[in-house]
């Protein structure tokens, strides 16, 4: 109940984004569980599937660096609207093109436009939310996305039988509608002083707003946090993108329509809908390092289970019902770790960023998702071609646990240095 009372004080911009995230969640999660399997049927190897999926995060380097800087100079709203309109056009492109080269190009543009959106949108949330409410605010947005994630995969499983084009069209329409809603109803949140400086005194702004790469070199805490987060992002991207291929490789006794992944994704979304808000509220009262340690260990255990169980199920010829029961428990552990990790990561970045550099910091923090999303598919595509998905997901699980230990060390070092908990401090450069 306390978490819901705290949510009443959130700004209207956050609530509008919550509604938009729910709509987009339905559309995108109709598509994503089947995207890798769809590509598998169109290209010659799983490694090429990995190439297509790796191109998006590589291209997003440019969008992330540009998006955060543009958000700090020209405002959050125009960057958000432009990125979503561009992404809608790209989604329509998947309907009309059907070759490997076309997929690579479309994936690149999708990564670019996606990465433009997130630094501006995250900075906007930080602009309008008090530091003590940011974990709840980011948790609310995850809740919105996962309202869609709870239903989208099941709807997609029904529609994909008849037409893949319908799913791409729904996803594109959703993004474009979301852009229109943002353009009409969300107000610009860039602090007026910074906006005036950026428009009137461009040369001064260039000094005040360094590039994200310069920010990384100057802020060692941010750099260590991002490098540590690469293994977390690899785990997210491979579980959401390549896990259905791992199941397809290992569970050879099941027909394709009984691939467990869409049902696990729907279960993941349902758990987030039910429990993200109270978990985010609890996280907001704890030290970031402690929460990250617990989250990464649960996250890692879930991935190791996903790595090892499928081959066991095949050797034992386990029934689909029993497979689903066991995997739902394992994925529940994974999801609990995810719910602990995600909002706290964004809170950490929000809290160490100076007010006038929030967009830039959010853009720099996106590098962990870019690196993990680019490296992961190339490695996993190669290993999955060799039927070594069990090795890949085990390594990722262990890596997440090691990352948790590093997060604790970062949190302890900052707390010792300032005698102020990281969750309460604002950093000034």
Foldseek 3Di string as FASTA:
>chain_A
DVLVVLVVPFDVLLVLLLQLLLQLLLLVLLPQQCVLVVVPVQDDFLLLSLLLQLLLLVLQLVLLQVLLLCCLQAFLLVLQLVLLLQLLVLLLQVLVDRHSVSSNVSSSSNSNSVNSNFLSSLLLSLLRDDLLCQLLSVLSSLLSSLNSQLCNLVVSLVCVVPDPSVSSNSSSVSSNVSSVCSVPPPDTRNPPVSHVCSVPPVVVVCVVADGLVVVCVVDVLLVLLLVLLLLVLLLVQCLSHPLLLLLVLQQVVDPSSLSCNSVLSSLLSVCSNVPLSVLSNVLSVDFLLVLLLQLLLLLLQLLLCSLPPSNVCNVVVPDSVVVNVVNNVSSVSNSVSVSSPPSSSSSLQSQADDSSSSSNSSSSSCVSNSNSSNVNSNVCSVCSSVSNSSVVSNVSSVSSNVSSVVSNVSQVVVCVVPVDRSSPHHHDD
